[in-house]
Amino acid sequence: MDAEQVQQRIRFLLHGCDHAYREYLQHNKAYAYAHALYSYNQQLNTLIMELGHQLDEPAQQAALRLSLHINIWSQQWRELQQSLKPTLEQPFVFNSIHPLPADAKTYFFSS
């Protein structure tokens, strides 16, 4: 996979994250939709860690900012999931201590 294909895959997964997040909000923040968002984020982070080195420097920096957010967000997500053991319909809500870096996300939609 070349750098352009990596960026296309990142954009696709970011679209998936956006879609899952919208569904999460529309369905009372239910755990089932939070889990879908978690899955997209894990796939995105794996892609960044495995193929991010193929990106040019600005794209690498944007990808690393996304990865840092995903790592911190995922740890919070797992801790809450372990403590709540939610059902699929149960609300699953927490405030991320490291918000999504909008500039990094925007980078991949503008490049």
PDB file of N, CA and C in Angstrom:
ATOM      1  N   MET A   1       0.856  -1.169   0.000  1.00  0.00           N
ATOM      2  CA  MET A   1       0.000   0.000   0.000  1.00  0.00           C
ATOM      3  C   MET A   1       0.903   1.233   0.000  1.00  0.00           C
ATOM      4  N   ASP A   2       0.682   2.136  -0.959  1.00  0.00           N
ATOM      5  CA  ASP A   2       1.497   3.344  -1.009  1.00  0.00           C
ATOM      6  C   ASP A   2       0.880   4.439  -0.130  1.00  0.00           C
ATOM      7  N   ALA A   3       1.573   5.577  -0.038  1.00  0.00           N
ATOM      8  CA  ALA A   3       1.152   6.658   0.863  1.00  0.00           C
ATOM      9  C   ALA A   3      -0.256   7.157   0.539  1.00  0.00           C
ATOM     10  N   GLU A   4      -0.574   7.284  -0.746  1.00  0.00           N
ATOM     11  CA  GLU A   4      -1.912   7.759  -1.126  1.00  0.00           C
ATOM     12  C   GLU A   4      -2.985   6.763  -0.694  1.00  0.00           C
ATOM     13  N   GLN A   5      -2.712   5.499  -0.836  1.00  0.00           N
ATOM     14  CA  GLN A   5      -3.669   4.475  -0.409  1.00  0.00           C
ATOM     15  C   GLN A   5      -3.835   4.472   1.110  1.00  0.00           C
ATOM     16  N   VAL A   6      -2.748   4.723   1.828  1.00  0.00           N
ATOM     17  CA  VAL A   6      -2.833   4.817   3.294  1.00  0.00           C
ATOM     18  C   VAL A   6      -3.733   5.987   3.668  1.00  0.00           C
ATOM     19  N   GLN A   7      -3.527   7.139   3.019  1.00  0.00           N
ATOM     20  CA  GLN A   7      -4.359   8.309   3.315  1.00  0.00           C
ATOM     21  C   GLN A   7      -5.818   8.042   2.968  1.00  0.00           C
ATOM     22  N   GLN A   8      -6.074   7.360   1.862  1.00  0.00           N
ATOM     23  CA  GLN A   8      -7.454   7.027   1.494  1.00  0.00           C
ATOM     24  C   GLN A   8      -8.086   6.126   2.548  1.00  0.00           C
ATOM     25  N   ARG A   9      -7.338   5.170   3.031  1.00  0.00           N
ATOM     26  CA  ARG A   9      -7.848   4.255   4.065  1.00  0.00           C
ATOM     27  C   ARG A   9      -8.102   5.019   5.366  1.00  0.00           C
ATOM     28  N   ILE A  10      -7.205   5.946   5.721  1.00  0.00           N
ATOM     29  CA  ILE A  10      -7.414   6.771   6.915  1.00  0.00           C
ATOM     30  C   ILE A  10      -8.705   7.566   6.768  1.00  0.00           C
ATOM     31  N   ARG A  11      -8.905   8.194   5.601  1.00  0.00           N
ATOM     32  CA  ARG A  11     -10.140   8.959   5.368  1.00  0.00           C
ATOM     33  C   ARG A  11     -11.369   8.062   5.493  1.00  0.00           C
ATOM     34  N   PHE A  12     -11.310   6.871   4.909  1.00  0.00           N
ATOM     35  CA  PHE A  12     -12.434   5.941   4.983  1.00  0.00           C
ATOM     36  C   PHE A  12     -12.761   5.602   6.437  1.00  0.00           C
ATOM     37  N   LEU A  13     -11.741   5.300   7.224  1.00  0.00           N
ATOM     38  CA  LEU A  13     -11.971   4.955   8.632  1.00  0.00           C
ATOM     39  C   LEU A  13     -12.463   6.160   9.432  1.00  0.00           C
ATOM     40  N   LEU A  14     -11.976   7.357   9.105  1.00  0.00           N
ATOM     41  CA  LEU A  14     -12.486   8.559   9.771  1.00  0.00           C
ATOM     42  C   LEU A  14     -13.964   8.768   9.440  1.00  0.00           C
ATOM     43  N   HIS A  15     -14.347   8.508   8.191  1.00  0.00           N
ATOM     44  CA  HIS A  15     -15.773   8.572   7.829  1.00  0.00           C
ATOM     45  C   HIS A  15     -16.562   7.547   8.638  1.00  0.00           C
ATOM     46  N   GLY A  16     -16.004   6.362   8.789  1.00  0.00           N
ATOM     47  CA  GLY A  16     -16.657   5.335   9.602  1.00  0.00           C
ATOM     48  C   GLY A  16     -16.829   5.784  11.040  1.00  0.00           C
ATOM     49  N   CYS A  17     -15.799   6.412  11.589  1.00  0.00           N
ATOM     50  CA  CYS A  17     -15.878   6.948  12.958  1.00  0.00           C
ATOM     51  C   CYS A  17     -16.982   7.993  13.058  1.00  0.00           C
ATOM     52  N   ASP A  18     -17.023   8.904  12.082  1.00  0.00           N
ATOM     53  CA  ASP A  18     -18.061   9.942  12.087  1.00  0.00           C
ATOM     54  C   ASP A  18     -19.455   9.320  12.029  1.00  0.00           C
ATOM     55  N   HIS A  19     -19.623   8.345  11.163  1.00  0.00           N
ATOM     56  CA  HIS A  19     -20.927   7.680  11.027  1.00  0.00           C
ATOM     57  C   HIS A  19     -21.319   6.983  12.333  1.00  0.00           C
ATOM     58  N   ALA A  20     -20.389   6.240  12.906  1.00  0.00           N
ATOM     59  CA  ALA A  20     -20.678   5.538  14.166  1.00  0.00           C
ATOM     60  C   ALA A  20     -21.006   6.533  15.276  1.00  0.00           C
ATOM     61  N   TYR A  21     -20.294   7.662  15.319  1.00  0.00           N
ATOM     62  CA  TYR A  21     -20.549   8.659  16.361  1.00  0.00           C
ATOM     63  C   TYR A  21     -21.935   9.285  16.195  1.00  0.00           C
ATOM     64  N   ARG A  22     -22.312   9.594  14.955  1.00  0.00           N
ATOM     65  CA  ARG A  22     -23.658  10.147  14.714  1.00  0.00           C
ATOM     66  C   ARG A  22     -24.732   9.151  15.152  1.00  0.00           C
ATOM     67  N   GLU A  23     -24.539   7.883  14.818  1.00  0.00           N
ATOM     68  CA  GLU A  23     -25.496   6.849  15.223  1.00  0.00           C
ATOM     69  C   GLU A  23     -25.542   6.721  16.747  1.00  0.00           C
ATOM     70  N   TYR A  24     -24.398   6.800  17.380  1.00  0.00           N
ATOM     71  CA  TYR A  24     -24.292   6.762  18.844  1.00  0.00           C
ATOM     72  C   TYR A  24     -25.141   7.878  19.455  1.00  0.00           C
ATOM     73  N   LEU A  25     -25.000   9.089  18.921  1.00  0.00           N
ATOM     74  CA  LEU A  25     -25.774  10.219  19.440  1.00  0.00           C
ATOM     75  C   LEU A  25     -27.266  10.048  19.173  1.00  0.00           C
ATOM     76  N   GLN A  26     -27.626   9.507  18.024  1.00  0.00           N
ATOM     77  CA  GLN A  26     -29.037   9.331  17.663  1.00  0.00           C
ATOM     78  C   GLN A  26     -29.702   8.188  18.425  1.00  0.00           C
ATOM     79  N   HIS A  27     -28.919   7.316  19.020  1.00  0.00           N
ATOM     80  CA  HIS A  27     -29.464   6.156  19.730  1.00  0.00           C
ATOM     81  C   HIS A  27     -29.165   6.220  21.228  1.00  0.00           C
ATOM     82  N   ASN A  28     -29.340   7.415  21.785  1.00  0.00           N
ATOM     83  CA  ASN A  28     -29.215   7.624  23.234  1.00  0.00           C
ATOM     84  C   ASN A  28     -27.873   7.179  23.805  1.00  0.00           C
ATOM     85  N   LYS A  29     -26.827   7.304  22.992  1.00  0.00           N
ATOM     86  CA  LYS A  29     -25.456   6.985  23.429  1.00  0.00           C
ATOM     87  C   LYS A  29     -25.324   5.548  23.926  1.00  0.00           C
ATOM     88  N   ALA A  30     -26.048   4.658  23.255  1.00  0.00           N
ATOM     89  CA  ALA A  30     -26.067   3.248  23.651  1.00  0.00           C
ATOM     90  C   ALA A  30     -24.707   2.590  23.439  1.00  0.00           C
ATOM     91  N   TYR A  31     -24.406   1.676  24.327  1.00  0.00           N
ATOM     92  CA  TYR A  31     -23.137   0.946  24.298  1.00  0.00           C
ATOM     93  C   TYR A  31     -22.885   0.265  22.950  1.00  0.00           C
ATOM     94  N   ALA A  32     -23.908  -0.275  22.322  1.00  0.00           N
ATOM     95  CA  ALA A  32     -23.730  -0.957  21.034  1.00  0.00           C
ATOM     96  C   ALA A  32     -23.070  -0.034  20.016  1.00  0.00           C
ATOM     97  N   TYR A  33     -23.472   1.234  19.998  1.00  0.00           N
ATOM     98  CA  TYR A  33     -22.917   2.192  19.047  1.00  0.00           C
ATOM     99  C   TYR A  33     -21.556   2.703  19.514  1.00  0.00           C
ATOM    100  N   ALA A  34     -21.373   2.807  20.810  1.00  0.00           N
ATOM    101  CA  ALA A  34     -20.055   3.161  21.349  1.00  0.00           C
ATOM    102  C   ALA A  34     -19.044   2.082  20.979  1.00  0.00           C
ATOM    103  N   HIS A  35     -19.477   0.836  21.010  1.00  0.00           N
ATOM    104  CA  HIS A  35     -18.583  -0.271  20.651  1.00  0.00           C
ATOM    105  C   HIS A  35     -18.215  -0.218  19.166  1.00  0.00           C
ATOM    106  N   ALA A  36     -19.165   0.152  18.320  1.00  0.00           N
ATOM    107  CA  ALA A  36     -18.870   0.306  16.891  1.00  0.00           C
ATOM    108  C   ALA A  36     -17.823   1.396  16.682  1.00  0.00           C
ATOM    109  N   LEU A  37     -17.972   2.511  17.389  1.00  0.00           N
ATOM    110  CA  LEU A  37     -16.992   3.590  17.306  1.00  0.00           C
ATOM    111  C   LEU A  37     -15.628   3.115  17.793  1.00  0.00           C
ATOM    112  N   TYR A  38     -15.605   2.384  18.875  1.00  0.00           N
ATOM    113  CA  TYR A  38     -14.358   1.823  19.405  1.00  0.00           C
ATOM    114  C   TYR A  38     -13.678   0.950  18.342  1.00  0.00           C
ATOM    115  N   SER A  39     -14.452   0.135  17.660  1.00  0.00           N
ATOM    116  CA  SER A  39     -13.907  -0.751  16.632  1.00  0.00           C
ATOM    117  C   SER A  39     -13.269   0.036  15.488  1.00  0.00           C
ATOM    118  N   TYR A  40     -13.957   1.066  15.006  1.00  0.00           N
ATOM    119  CA  TYR A  40     -13.377   1.907  13.952  1.00  0.00           C
ATOM    120  C   TYR A  40     -12.079   2.551  14.439  1.00  0.00           C
ATOM    121  N   ASN A  41     -12.084   3.055  15.654  1.00  0.00           N
ATOM    122  CA  ASN A  41     -10.882   3.690  16.192  1.00  0.00           C
ATOM    123  C   ASN A  41      -9.717   2.711  16.291  1.00  0.00           C
ATOM    124  N   GLN A  42      -9.990   1.481  16.688  1.00  0.00           N
ATOM    125  CA  GLN A  42      -8.919   0.486  16.792  1.00  0.00           C
ATOM    126  C   GLN A  42      -8.340   0.178  15.409  1.00  0.00           C
ATOM    127  N   GLN A  43      -9.210   0.060  14.415  1.00  0.00           N
ATOM    128  CA  GLN A  43      -8.731  -0.184  13.051  1.00  0.00           C
ATOM    129  C   GLN A  43      -7.890   0.986  12.546  1.00  0.00           C
ATOM    130  N   LEU A  44      -8.338   2.202  12.842  1.00  0.00           N
ATOM    131  CA  LEU A  44      -7.599   3.392  12.431  1.00  0.00           C
ATOM    132  C   LEU A  44      -6.233   3.433  13.099  1.00  0.00           C
ATOM    133  N   ASN A  45      -6.185   3.171  14.378  1.00  0.00           N
ATOM    134  CA  ASN A  45      -4.917   3.213  15.091  1.00  0.00           C
ATOM    135  C   ASN A  45      -3.962   2.125  14.592  1.00  0.00           C
ATOM    136  N   THR A  46      -4.473   0.948  14.323  1.00  0.00           N
ATOM    137  CA  THR A  46      -3.638  -0.132  13.782  1.00  0.00           C
ATOM    138  C   THR A  46      -3.047   0.274  12.436  1.00  0.00           C
ATOM    139  N   LEU A  47      -3.866   0.859  11.580  1.00  0.00           N
ATOM    140  CA  LEU A  47      -3.385   1.322  10.279  1.00  0.00           C
ATOM    141  C   LEU A  47      -2.275   2.354  10.450  1.00  0.00           C
ATOM    142  N   ILE A  48      -2.489   3.322  11.318  1.00  0.00           N
ATOM    143  CA  ILE A  48      -1.483   4.363  11.545  1.00  0.00           C
ATOM    144  C   ILE A  48      -0.176   3.754  12.042  1.00  0.00           C
ATOM    145  N   MET A  49      -0.256   2.853  12.987  1.00  0.00           N
ATOM    146  CA  MET A  49       0.953   2.257  13.562  1.00  0.00           C
ATOM    147  C   MET A  49       1.675   1.337  12.570  1.00  0.00           C
ATOM    148  N   GLU A  50       0.929   0.657  11.718  1.00  0.00           N
ATOM    149  CA  GLU A  50       1.550  -0.275  10.777  1.00  0.00           C
ATOM    150  C   GLU A  50       2.051   0.385   9.502  1.00  0.00           C
ATOM    151  N   LEU A  51       1.353   1.414   9.021  1.00  0.00           N
ATOM    152  CA  LEU A  51       1.700   1.982   7.718  1.00  0.00           C
ATOM    153  C   LEU A  51       1.942   3.488   7.734  1.00  0.00           C
ATOM    154  N   GLY A  52       1.818   4.122   8.888  1.00  0.00           N
ATOM    155  CA  GLY A  52       2.003   5.566   8.972  1.00  0.00           C
ATOM    156  C   GLY A  52       3.373   6.041   8.534  1.00  0.00           C
ATOM    157  N   HIS A  53       4.364   5.184   8.637  1.00  0.00           N
ATOM    158  CA  HIS A  53       5.726   5.560   8.231  1.00  0.00           C
ATOM    159  C   HIS A  53       5.814   5.855   6.734  1.00  0.00           C
ATOM    160  N   GLN A  54       4.840   5.415   5.959  1.00  0.00           N
ATOM    161  CA  GLN A  54       4.847   5.658   4.515  1.00  0.00           C
ATOM    162  C   GLN A  54       4.342   7.058   4.157  1.00  0.00           C
ATOM    163  N   LEU A  55       3.731   7.728   5.102  1.00  0.00           N
ATOM    164  CA  LEU A  55       3.182   9.058   4.861  1.00  0.00           C
ATOM    165  C   LEU A  55       4.288  10.099   4.866  1.00  0.00           C
ATOM    166  N   ASP A  56       4.022  11.251   4.219  1.00  0.00           N
ATOM    167  CA  ASP A  56       4.990  12.348   4.298  1.00  0.00           C
ATOM    168  C   ASP A  56       4.938  12.954   5.702  1.00  0.00           C
ATOM    169  N   GLU A  57       5.877  13.818   6.000  1.00  0.00           N
ATOM    170  CA  GLU A  57       6.026  14.339   7.366  1.00  0.00           C
ATOM    171  C   GLU A  57       4.764  15.014   7.908  1.00  0.00           C
ATOM    172  N   PRO A  58       4.125  15.933   7.164  1.00  0.00           N
ATOM    173  CA  PRO A  58       2.903  16.544   7.716  1.00  0.00           C
ATOM    174  C   PRO A  58       1.806  15.511   7.998  1.00  0.00           C
ATOM    175  N   ALA A  59       1.650  14.545   7.111  1.00  0.00           N
ATOM    176  CA  ALA A  59       0.638  13.507   7.319  1.00  0.00           C
ATOM    177  C   ALA A  59       1.007  12.626   8.506  1.00  0.00           C
ATOM    178  N   GLN A  60       2.286  12.338   8.668  1.00  0.00           N
ATOM    179  CA  GLN A  60       2.724  11.551   9.824  1.00  0.00           C
ATOM    180  C   GLN A  60       2.386  12.268  11.124  1.00  0.00           C
ATOM    181  N   GLN A  61       2.634  13.575  11.163  1.00  0.00           N
ATOM    182  CA  GLN A  61       2.348  14.341  12.381  1.00  0.00           C
ATOM    183  C   GLN A  61       0.849  14.335  12.686  1.00  0.00           C
ATOM    184  N   ALA A  62       0.025  14.515  11.657  1.00  0.00           N
ATOM    185  CA  ALA A  62      -1.429  14.471  11.855  1.00  0.00           C
ATOM    186  C   ALA A  62      -1.855  13.081  12.328  1.00  0.00           C
ATOM    187  N   ALA A  63      -1.286  12.050  11.723  1.00  0.00           N
ATOM    188  CA  ALA A  63      -1.627  10.676  12.102  1.00  0.00           C
ATOM    189  C   ALA A  63      -1.214  10.387  13.542  1.00  0.00           C
ATOM    190  N   LEU A  64      -0.059  10.875  13.943  1.00  0.00           N
ATOM    191  CA  LEU A  64       0.398  10.645  15.319  1.00  0.00           C
ATOM    192  C   LEU A  64      -0.491  11.361  16.333  1.00  0.00           C
ATOM    193  N   ARG A  65      -0.992  12.557  15.980  1.00  0.00           N
ATOM    194  CA  ARG A  65      -1.926  13.251  16.877  1.00  0.00           C
ATOM    195  C   ARG A  65      -3.222  12.451  17.015  1.00  0.00           C
ATOM    196  N   LEU A  66      -3.701  11.892  15.902  1.00  0.00           N
ATOM    197  CA  LEU A  66      -4.892  11.036  15.965  1.00  0.00           C
ATOM    198  C   LEU A  66      -4.624   9.802  16.817  1.00  0.00           C
ATOM    199  N   SER A  67      -3.470   9.194  16.624  1.00  0.00           N
ATOM    200  CA  SER A  67      -3.124   7.982  17.364  1.00  0.00           C
ATOM    201  C   SER A  67      -3.052   8.240  18.865  1.00  0.00           C
ATOM    202  N   LEU A  68      -2.463   9.354  19.257  1.00  0.00           N
ATOM    203  CA  LEU A  68      -2.388   9.682  20.683  1.00  0.00           C
ATOM    204  C   LEU A  68      -3.794   9.805  21.266  1.00  0.00           C
ATOM    205  N   HIS A  69      -4.657  10.523  20.563  1.00  0.00           N
ATOM    206  CA  HIS A  69      -6.047  10.651  21.016  1.00  0.00           C
ATOM    207  C   HIS A  69      -6.697   9.273  21.158  1.00  0.00           C
ATOM    208  N   ILE A  70      -6.550   8.446  20.136  1.00  0.00           N
ATOM    209  CA  ILE A  70      -7.183   7.122  20.158  1.00  0.00           C
ATOM    210  C   ILE A  70      -6.654   6.289  21.313  1.00  0.00           C
ATOM    211  N   ASN A  71      -5.361   6.329  21.561  1.00  0.00           N
ATOM    212  CA  ASN A  71      -4.784   5.546  22.661  1.00  0.00           C
ATOM    213  C   ASN A  71      -5.346   5.967  24.014  1.00  0.00           C
ATOM    214  N   ILE A  72      -5.418   7.261  24.255  1.00  0.00           N
ATOM    215  CA  ILE A  72      -5.936   7.755  25.535  1.00  0.00           C
ATOM    216  C   ILE A  72      -7.437   7.478  25.633  1.00  0.00           C
ATOM    217  N   TRP A  73      -8.180   7.806  24.577  1.00  0.00           N
ATOM    218  CA  TRP A  73      -9.627   7.577  24.539  1.00  0.00           C
ATOM    219  C   TRP A  73      -9.939   6.099  24.750  1.00  0.00           C
ATOM    220  N   SER A  74      -9.176   5.223  24.107  1.00  0.00           N
ATOM    221  CA  SER A  74      -9.414   3.775  24.214  1.00  0.00           C
ATOM    222  C   SER A  74      -9.178   3.258  25.622  1.00  0.00           C
ATOM    223  N   GLN A  75      -8.165   3.796  26.285  1.00  0.00           N
ATOM    224  CA  GLN A  75      -7.914   3.372  27.666  1.00  0.00           C
ATOM    225  C   GLN A  75      -9.087   3.766  28.565  1.00  0.00           C
ATOM    226  N   GLN A  76      -9.566   4.991  28.402  1.00  0.00           N
ATOM    227  CA  GLN A  76     -10.738   5.419  29.171  1.00  0.00           C
ATOM    228  C   GLN A  76     -11.941   4.540  28.830  1.00  0.00           C
ATOM    229  N   TRP A  77     -12.127   4.252  27.552  1.00  0.00           N
ATOM    230  CA  TRP A  77     -13.244   3.434  27.092  1.00  0.00           C
ATOM    231  C   TRP A  77     -13.195   2.061  27.751  1.00  0.00           C
ATOM    232  N   ARG A  78     -12.027   1.412  27.725  1.00  0.00           N
ATOM    233  CA  ARG A  78     -11.891   0.066  28.303  1.00  0.00           C
ATOM    234  C   ARG A  78     -12.127   0.071  29.810  1.00  0.00           C
ATOM    235  N   GLU A  79     -11.610   1.091  30.500  1.00  0.00           N
ATOM    236  CA  GLU A  79     -11.815   1.163  31.953  1.00  0.00           C
ATOM    237  C   GLU A  79     -13.296   1.283  32.289  1.00  0.00           C
ATOM    238  N   LEU A  80     -14.019   2.134  31.554  1.00  0.00           N
ATOM    239  CA  LEU A  80     -15.452   2.287  31.804  1.00  0.00           C
ATOM    240  C   LEU A  80     -16.202   1.003  31.443  1.00  0.00           C
ATOM    241  N   GLN A  81     -15.837   0.392  30.346  1.00  0.00           N
ATOM    242  CA  GLN A  81     -16.489  -0.846  29.921  1.00  0.00           C
ATOM    243  C   GLN A  81     -16.300  -1.944  30.965  1.00  0.00           C
ATOM    244  N   GLN A  82     -15.109  -2.038  31.530  1.00  0.00           N
ATOM    245  CA  GLN A  82     -14.840  -3.055  32.549  1.00  0.00           C
ATOM    246  C   GLN A  82     -15.611  -2.786  33.838  1.00  0.00           C
ATOM    247  N   SER A  83     -15.745  -1.519  34.196  1.00  0.00           N
ATOM    248  CA  SER A  83     -16.443  -1.208  35.449  1.00  0.00           C
ATOM    249  C   SER A  83     -17.966  -1.296  35.301  1.00  0.00           C
ATOM    250  N   LEU A  84     -18.501  -0.884  34.154  1.00  0.00           N
ATOM    251  CA  LEU A  84     -19.958  -0.906  33.959  1.00  0.00           C
ATOM    252  C   LEU A  84     -20.488  -2.257  33.494  1.00  0.00           C
ATOM    253  N   LYS A  85     -19.712  -2.934  32.672  1.00  0.00           N
ATOM    254  CA  LYS A  85     -20.195  -4.160  32.023  1.00  0.00           C
ATOM    255  C   LYS A  85     -21.588  -3.908  31.422  1.00  0.00           C
ATOM    256  N   PRO A  86     -21.671  -2.928  30.502  1.00  0.00           N
ATOM    257  CA  PRO A  86     -22.978  -2.482  30.012  1.00  0.00           C
ATOM    258  C   PRO A  86     -23.666  -3.486  29.086  1.00  0.00           C
ATOM    259  N   THR A  87     -24.989  -3.378  29.056  1.00  0.00           N
ATOM    260  CA  THR A  87     -25.775  -4.094  28.052  1.00  0.00           C
ATOM    261  C   THR A  87     -25.696  -3.280  26.760  1.00  0.00           C
ATOM    262  N   LEU A  88     -26.119  -3.865  25.658  1.00  0.00           N
ATOM    263  CA  LEU A  88     -26.038  -3.173  24.374  1.00  0.00           C
ATOM    264  C   LEU A  88     -26.845  -1.884  24.345  1.00  0.00           C
ATOM    265  N   GLU A  89     -27.947  -1.834  25.091  1.00  0.00           N
ATOM    266  CA  GLU A  89     -28.827  -0.663  25.069  1.00  0.00           C
ATOM    267  C   GLU A  89     -28.449   0.396  26.102  1.00  0.00           C
ATOM    268  N   GLN A  90     -27.627   0.044  27.046  1.00  0.00           N
ATOM    269  CA  GLN A  90     -27.291   0.945  28.152  1.00  0.00           C
ATOM    270  C   GLN A  90     -26.452   2.128  27.663  1.00  0.00           C
ATOM    271  N   PRO A  91     -26.737   3.354  28.162  1.00  0.00           N
ATOM    272  CA  PRO A  91     -25.897   4.496  27.823  1.00  0.00           C
ATOM    273  C   PRO A  91     -24.448   4.264  28.269  1.00  0.00           C
ATOM    274  N   PHE A  92     -23.532   4.727  27.433  1.00  0.00           N
ATOM    275  CA  PHE A  92     -22.100   4.542  27.676  1.00  0.00           C
ATOM    276  C   PHE A  92     -21.433   5.877  27.382  1.00  0.00           C
ATOM    277  N   VAL A  93     -21.165   6.663  28.439  1.00  0.00           N
ATOM    278  CA  VAL A  93     -20.724   8.042  28.267  1.00  0.00           C
ATOM    279  C   VAL A  93     -19.553   8.353  29.187  1.00  0.00           C
ATOM    280  N   PHE A  94     -18.539   9.022  28.641  1.00  0.00           N
ATOM    281  CA  PHE A  94     -17.449   9.566  29.444  1.00  0.00           C
ATOM    282  C   PHE A  94     -16.872  10.767  28.708  1.00  0.00           C
ATOM    283  N   ASN A  95     -16.158  11.606  29.425  1.00  0.00           N
ATOM    284  CA  ASN A  95     -15.499  12.763  28.829  1.00  0.00           C
ATOM    285  C   ASN A  95     -14.038  12.425  28.614  1.00  0.00           C
ATOM    286  N   SER A  96     -13.618  12.472  27.368  1.00  0.00           N
ATOM    287  CA  SER A  96     -12.229  12.166  27.044  1.00  0.00           C
ATOM    288  C   SER A  96     -11.311  13.228  27.639  1.00  0.00           C
ATOM    289  N   ILE A  97     -10.221  12.783  28.244  1.00  0.00           N
ATOM    290  CA  ILE A  97      -9.259  13.741  28.797  1.00  0.00           C
ATOM    291  C   ILE A  97      -8.341  14.287  27.710  1.00  0.00           C
ATOM    292  N   HIS A  98      -8.423  13.714  26.509  1.00  0.00           N
ATOM    293  CA  HIS A  98      -7.621  14.178  25.369  1.00  0.00           C
ATOM    294  C   HIS A  98      -8.545  14.227  24.145  1.00  0.00           C
ATOM    295  N   PRO A  99      -9.211  15.372  23.925  1.00  0.00           N
ATOM    296  CA  PRO A  99     -10.201  15.462  22.848  1.00  0.00           C
ATOM    297  C   PRO A  99      -9.611  15.164  21.465  1.00  0.00           C
ATOM    298  N   LEU A 100     -10.491  14.791  20.561  1.00  0.00           N
ATOM    299  CA  LEU A 100     -10.101  14.539  19.177  1.00  0.00           C
ATOM    300  C   LEU A 100      -9.421  15.782  18.611  1.00  0.00           C
ATOM    301  N   PRO A 101      -8.220  15.650  18.058  1.00  0.00           N
ATOM    302  CA  PRO A 101      -7.546  16.813  17.466  1.00  0.00           C
ATOM    303  C   PRO A 101      -8.178  17.138  16.108  1.00  0.00           C
ATOM    304  N   ALA A 102      -9.068  18.100  16.103  1.00  0.00           N
ATOM    305  CA  ALA A 102      -9.825  18.430  14.892  1.00  0.00           C
ATOM    306  C   ALA A 102      -8.901  18.783  13.732  1.00  0.00           C
ATOM    307  N   ASP A 103      -7.779  19.443  14.022  1.00  0.00           N
ATOM    308  CA  ASP A 103      -6.859  19.815  12.948  1.00  0.00           C
ATOM    309  C   ASP A 103      -6.265  18.586  12.270  1.00  0.00           C
ATOM    310  N   ALA A 104      -6.008  17.543  13.034  1.00  0.00           N
ATOM    311  CA  ALA A 104      -5.450  16.317  12.461  1.00  0.00           C
ATOM    312  C   ALA A 104      -6.489  15.626  11.587  1.00  0.00           C
ATOM    313  N   LYS A 105      -7.714  15.597  12.061  1.00  0.00           N
ATOM    314  CA  LYS A 105      -8.795  14.997  11.275  1.00  0.00           C
ATOM    315  C   LYS A 105      -8.998  15.795   9.990  1.00  0.00           C
ATOM    316  N   THR A 106      -9.055  17.116  10.108  1.00  0.00           N
ATOM    317  CA  THR A 106      -9.243  17.982   8.950  1.00  0.00           C
ATOM    318  C   THR A 106      -8.127  17.801   7.937  1.00  0.00           C
ATOM    319  N   TYR A 107      -6.914  17.590   8.413  1.00  0.00           N
ATOM    320  CA  TYR A 107      -5.772  17.405   7.514  1.00  0.00           C
ATOM    321  C   TYR A 107      -6.065  16.314   6.482  1.00  0.00           C
ATOM    322  N   PHE A 108      -6.612  15.194   6.926  1.00  0.00           N
ATOM    323  CA  PHE A 108      -6.830  14.077   6.008  1.00  0.00           C
ATOM    324  C   PHE A 108      -8.000  14.304   5.060  1.00  0.00           C
ATOM    325  N   PHE A 109      -8.901  15.211   5.400  1.00  0.00           N
ATOM    326  CA  PHE A 109      -9.999  15.515   4.494  1.00  0.00           C
ATOM    327  C   PHE A 109      -9.644  16.632   3.520  1.00  0.00           C
ATOM    328  N   SER A 110      -8.574  17.368   3.810  1.00  0.00           N
ATOM    329  CA  SER A 110      -8.179  18.462   2.924  1.00  0.00           C
ATOM    330  C   SER A 110      -7.010  18.077   2.025  1.00  0.00           C
ATOM    331  N   SER A 111      -6.387  16.940   2.287  1.00  0.00           N
ATOM    332  CA  SER A 111      -5.211  16.560   1.483  1.00  0.00           C
ATOM    333  C   SER A 111      -5.595  15.652   0.336  1.00  0.00           C
TER     334      SER A 111
END
